[in-house]
């Protein structure tokens, strides 16, 4: 199995490979910022969309970059844009995912750590914080759940990257048939914060767990997300 555990490895062979990053940009207009949970869920769907896109597979134009990225650390960086910045970012090759609440996240094919396109590298990465005006409500039936660690305090941008990781680890573990079913349904998923008791069960359940490398905001080895998908047998007992 390819998912990460909460154990810290000081000798990870992925660190010896060329490092790439998957850029994501969330649209945050000053007058109408998205709700936090909706942004987290939209970012996770954006990651799934690029993983499933035909340009990322086989001989597709993004396939080599996607392979090189996934063979190393699956780094993701979320930046924010509005107005003219968003329009410039939208003109670059990528995929824009829009939620029913009109939250927009654009995902781009992976780039080398020091090879960002000029219209993305100048976008702000820090200070991406959002709120939920109302509670996110119950998890929709048939949705995957990306459970957040209740003990961590992360910015919205950092958390978007983590939910993207959680969705990706789950995608890796699904069969081709289950992937097609999930995609055909529009990638139903929910992001929720686990209570401490549930979190303790989740992290020892054998489900996919995201362990952060500790490059920003939190300590190396921190468990950030556990991915659960009862519809396909990924269920904490």
Protein backbone atom coordinates (compact mmCIF):
# COMPACT_ATOMS: atom_id res chain seq x y z
CA UNK A 1 0.00 0.00 0.00
CA UNK A 2 1.21 3.50 -0.89
CA UNK A 3 -0.32 5.58 1.88
CA UNK A 4 1.74 7.31 4.51
CA UNK A 5 1.62 6.49 8.18
CA UNK A 6 2.27 8.69 11.19
CA UNK A 7 5.74 7.32 11.69
CA UNK A 8 8.58 9.67 10.81
CA UNK A 9 11.11 8.36 8.30
CA UNK A 10 14.48 10.09 8.22
CA UNK A 11 15.63 8.12 5.16
CA UNK A 12 12.88 8.46 2.57
CA UNK A 13 13.99 7.50 -0.97
CA UNK A 14 11.49 9.98 -2.40
CA UNK A 15 13.74 12.78 -1.16
CA UNK A 16 16.48 11.66 -3.56
CA UNK A 17 14.29 12.28 -6.61
CA UNK A 18 13.76 15.62 -8.40
CA UNK A 19 11.07 17.50 -6.50
CA UNK A 20 7.94 18.89 -8.11
CA UNK A 21 4.94 20.75 -6.75
CA UNK A 22 1.29 20.74 -7.79
CA UNK A 23 0.08 24.36 -7.90
CA UNK A 24 -3.49 25.21 -6.89
CA UNK A 25 -5.00 28.68 -6.93
CA UNK A 26 -8.18 29.56 -5.07
CA UNK A 27 -10.20 32.55 -6.17
CA UNK A 28 -10.78 34.88 -3.22
CA UNK A 29 -12.50 38.08 -4.20
CA UNK A 30 -12.44 40.66 -1.43
CA UNK A 31 -16.21 41.22 -1.45
CA UNK A 32 -17.22 37.55 -1.60
CA UNK A 33 -14.67 35.10 -0.19
CA UNK A 34 -15.58 31.41 -0.28
CA UNK A 35 -16.58 29.48 2.82
CA UNK A 36 -13.69 27.56 4.34
CA UNK A 37 -15.14 24.03 4.13
CA UNK A 38 -16.34 24.57 0.57
CA UNK A 39 -12.85 25.72 -0.42
CA UNK A 40 -11.30 22.65 1.21
CA UNK A 41 -13.67 20.31 -0.59
CA UNK A 42 -13.24 22.08 -3.92
CA UNK A 43 -9.46 21.83 -3.66
CA UNK A 44 -9.70 18.10 -2.99
CA UNK A 45 -11.93 17.65 -6.05
CA UNK A 46 -9.51 19.69 -8.14
CA UNK A 47 -6.70 17.28 -7.26
CA UNK A 48 -8.89 14.33 -8.22
CA UNK A 49 -9.85 15.98 -11.50
CA UNK A 50 -6.25 16.37 -12.62
CA UNK A 51 -5.39 12.83 -11.53
CA UNK A 52 -8.24 11.48 -13.66
CA UNK A 53 -7.79 13.80 -16.65
CA UNK A 54 -6.74 12.12 -19.89
CA UNK A 55 -3.89 14.63 -20.26
CA UNK A 56 -2.37 13.18 -17.08
CA UNK A 57 -2.48 9.57 -18.28
CA UNK A 58 -0.61 7.42 -20.77
CA UNK A 59 0.93 9.62 -23.46
CA UNK A 60 -0.98 12.73 -22.37
CA UNK A 61 0.75 16.11 -22.38
CA UNK A 62 0.87 16.26 -18.57
CA UNK A 63 1.65 12.58 -17.98
CA UNK A 64 5.43 12.88 -17.55
CA UNK A 65 5.13 15.75 -15.09
CA UNK A 66 2.45 13.92 -13.15
CA UNK A 67 4.57 10.78 -12.93
CA UNK A 68 7.70 12.64 -11.84
CA UNK A 69 5.69 14.51 -9.21
CA UNK A 70 4.05 11.39 -7.77
CA UNK A 71 7.33 9.49 -7.67
CA UNK A 72 8.72 12.08 -5.24
CA UNK A 73 6.99 13.94 -2.42
CA UNK A 74 3.45 14.82 -3.45
CA UNK A 75 3.90 18.49 -2.63
CA UNK A 76 1.05 20.90 -3.21
CA UNK A 77 1.05 24.66 -2.75
CA UNK A 78 -2.12 26.74 -2.64
CA UNK A 79 -2.01 30.39 -3.64
CA UNK A 80 -4.81 32.95 -3.83
CA UNK A 81 -5.88 35.32 -6.57
CA UNK A 82 -8.60 37.77 -7.44
CA UNK A 83 -9.52 40.05 -10.33
CA UNK A 84 -6.85 40.38 -12.99
CA UNK A 85 -4.59 37.91 -11.14
CA UNK A 86 -7.28 35.25 -11.37
CA UNK A 87 -7.86 35.95 -15.07
CA UNK A 88 -4.14 35.57 -15.82
CA UNK A 89 -3.95 32.34 -13.84
CA UNK A 90 -7.03 31.00 -15.63
CA UNK A 91 -5.32 31.53 -18.98
CA UNK A 92 -2.57 29.02 -18.10
CA UNK A 93 -3.04 25.29 -18.85
CA UNK A 94 -5.00 23.69 -16.02
CA UNK A 95 -8.44 22.75 -14.76
CA UNK A 96 -10.88 25.00 -12.92
CA UNK A 97 -13.26 23.26 -10.53
CA UNK A 98 -16.33 25.19 -9.42
CA UNK A 99 -18.47 24.10 -6.49
CA UNK A 100 -22.28 24.47 -6.31
CA UNK A 101 -21.60 27.45 -4.03
CA UNK A 102 -19.42 29.02 -6.79
CA UNK A 103 -16.10 28.47 -5.06
CA UNK A 104 -13.42 28.27 -7.76
CA UNK A 105 -10.10 26.44 -7.52
CA UNK A 106 -7.77 26.01 -10.48
CA UNK A 107 -5.21 23.21 -10.50
CA UNK A 108 -2.18 23.16 -12.79
CA UNK A 109 0.15 20.38 -13.93
CA UNK A 110 3.16 19.91 -11.63
CA UNK A 111 6.18 22.18 -11.97
CA UNK A 112 9.71 21.98 -10.52
CA UNK A 113 10.03 23.61 -7.12
CA UNK A 114 11.96 26.50 -8.67
CA UNK A 115 10.10 26.53 -12.00
CA UNK A 116 6.78 28.23 -11.31
CA UNK A 117 5.14 30.17 -14.19
CA UNK A 118 5.59 33.91 -13.65
CA UNK A 119 1.83 34.53 -13.38
CA UNK A 120 1.63 32.04 -10.49
CA UNK A 121 4.87 32.64 -8.62
CA UNK A 122 3.90 36.21 -7.75
CA UNK A 123 0.59 35.19 -6.18
CA UNK A 124 0.33 35.28 -2.39
CA UNK A 125 0.60 32.01 -0.52
CA UNK A 126 0.47 33.30 3.06
CA UNK A 127 -2.59 34.76 4.70
CA UNK A 128 -5.03 32.47 2.94
CA UNK A 129 -7.58 32.14 5.72
CA UNK A 130 -11.31 31.63 5.47
CA UNK A 131 -14.28 31.08 7.75
CA UNK A 132 -17.47 29.05 7.69
CA UNK A 133 -20.48 31.37 8.17
CA UNK A 134 -22.54 28.31 9.13
CA UNK A 135 -21.64 24.77 10.10
CA UNK A 136 -20.90 22.35 7.26
CA UNK A 137 -23.78 20.03 8.19
CA UNK A 138 -24.00 16.24 7.93
CA UNK A 139 -21.89 14.24 5.52
CA UNK A 140 -23.86 13.52 2.31
CA UNK A 141 -24.75 9.89 1.78
CA UNK A 142 -22.25 8.07 -0.41
CA UNK A 143 -19.49 10.65 0.01
CA UNK A 144 -15.89 10.06 0.94
CA UNK A 145 -14.89 11.84 4.13
CA UNK A 146 -11.57 13.59 4.63
CA UNK A 147 -11.23 13.84 8.40
CA UNK A 148 -9.07 16.64 9.78
CA UNK A 149 -6.91 16.38 12.88
CA UNK A 150 -8.74 18.30 15.65
CA UNK A 151 -5.50 19.22 17.39
CA UNK A 152 -3.85 21.13 14.53
CA UNK A 153 -4.28 24.80 13.69
CA UNK A 154 -3.58 25.31 9.98
CA UNK A 155 -4.34 28.14 7.59
CA UNK A 156 -7.00 27.55 4.97
CA UNK A 157 -4.34 27.33 2.26
CA UNK A 158 -2.34 24.73 4.16
CA UNK A 159 -5.48 22.74 4.93
CA UNK A 160 -6.53 22.81 1.27
CA UNK A 161 -3.22 21.20 0.37
CA UNK A 162 -3.74 18.56 3.07
CA UNK A 163 -7.25 17.65 1.91
CA UNK A 164 -5.83 17.37 -1.59
CA UNK A 165 -3.27 14.89 -0.23
CA UNK A 166 -6.02 12.93 1.50
CA UNK A 167 -8.06 12.68 -1.68
CA UNK A 168 -5.00 11.59 -3.63
CA UNK A 169 -4.05 8.82 -1.21
CA UNK A 170 -7.58 7.48 -1.41
CA UNK A 171 -7.51 7.66 -5.22
CA UNK A 172 -4.34 5.59 -5.29
CA UNK A 173 -5.98 2.84 -3.27
CA UNK A 174 -9.19 2.52 -5.29
CA UNK A 175 -9.64 0.02 -8.08
CA UNK A 176 -10.09 1.32 -11.63
CA UNK A 177 -13.80 0.44 -11.46
CA UNK A 178 -14.26 2.36 -8.22
CA UNK A 179 -12.37 5.33 -9.61
CA UNK A 180 -14.68 5.45 -12.62
CA UNK A 181 -17.74 5.22 -10.39
CA UNK A 182 -16.51 8.00 -8.13
CA UNK A 183 -15.63 10.24 -11.05
CA UNK A 184 -18.94 9.64 -12.80
CA UNK A 185 -20.73 10.74 -9.62
CA UNK A 186 -18.76 14.01 -9.54
CA UNK A 187 -16.30 12.97 -6.83
CA UNK A 188 -18.68 13.31 -3.86
CA UNK A 189 -16.66 14.06 -0.74
CA UNK A 190 -16.85 15.98 2.49
CA UNK A 191 -14.23 17.57 4.73
CA UNK A 192 -14.96 17.45 8.45
CA UNK A 193 -12.97 17.85 11.65
CA UNK A 194 -12.97 14.68 13.74
CA UNK A 195 -13.58 14.80 17.45
CA UNK A 196 -10.61 13.52 19.52
CA UNK A 197 -12.14 10.10 20.15
CA UNK A 198 -12.92 9.52 16.48
CA UNK A 199 -9.48 10.79 15.48
CA UNK A 200 -7.79 8.26 17.74
CA UNK A 201 -9.75 5.46 16.07
CA UNK A 202 -9.10 6.77 12.58
CA UNK A 203 -5.33 6.98 12.95
CA UNK A 204 -5.11 3.35 14.09
CA UNK A 205 -7.71 1.95 11.66
CA UNK A 206 -5.44 1.24 8.69
CA UNK A 207 -7.12 3.90 6.56
CA UNK A 208 -4.99 6.24 4.39
CA UNK A 209 -3.30 8.81 6.62
CA UNK A 210 -1.55 11.97 5.46
CA UNK A 211 1.71 12.68 7.29
CA UNK A 212 3.00 16.16 6.62
CA UNK A 213 6.67 16.63 5.78
CA UNK A 214 6.79 19.73 7.95
CA UNK A 215 7.93 22.27 5.36
CA UNK A 216 5.42 24.87 6.58
CA UNK A 217 3.24 25.65 9.61
CA UNK A 218 3.31 22.29 11.43
CA UNK A 219 5.88 19.85 12.77
CA UNK A 220 7.31 17.09 10.55
CA UNK A 221 5.39 13.86 10.87
CA UNK A 222 2.13 15.52 11.90
CA UNK A 223 -0.89 13.46 10.88
CA UNK A 224 -3.28 15.88 9.21
CA UNK A 225 -5.99 13.94 7.33
CA UNK A 226 -7.46 10.45 7.38
CA UNK A 227 -9.48 9.37 4.33
CA UNK A 228 -12.60 7.28 4.85
CA UNK A 229 -14.92 6.02 2.11
CA UNK A 230 -17.52 3.56 3.41
CA UNK A 231 -19.04 3.06 -0.05
CA UNK A 232 -15.85 1.34 -1.21
CA UNK A 233 -14.89 -0.43 2.01
CA UNK A 234 -12.56 2.20 3.46
CA UNK A 235 -14.20 2.37 6.86
CA UNK A 236 -12.88 2.84 10.39
CA UNK A 237 -14.03 0.07 12.68
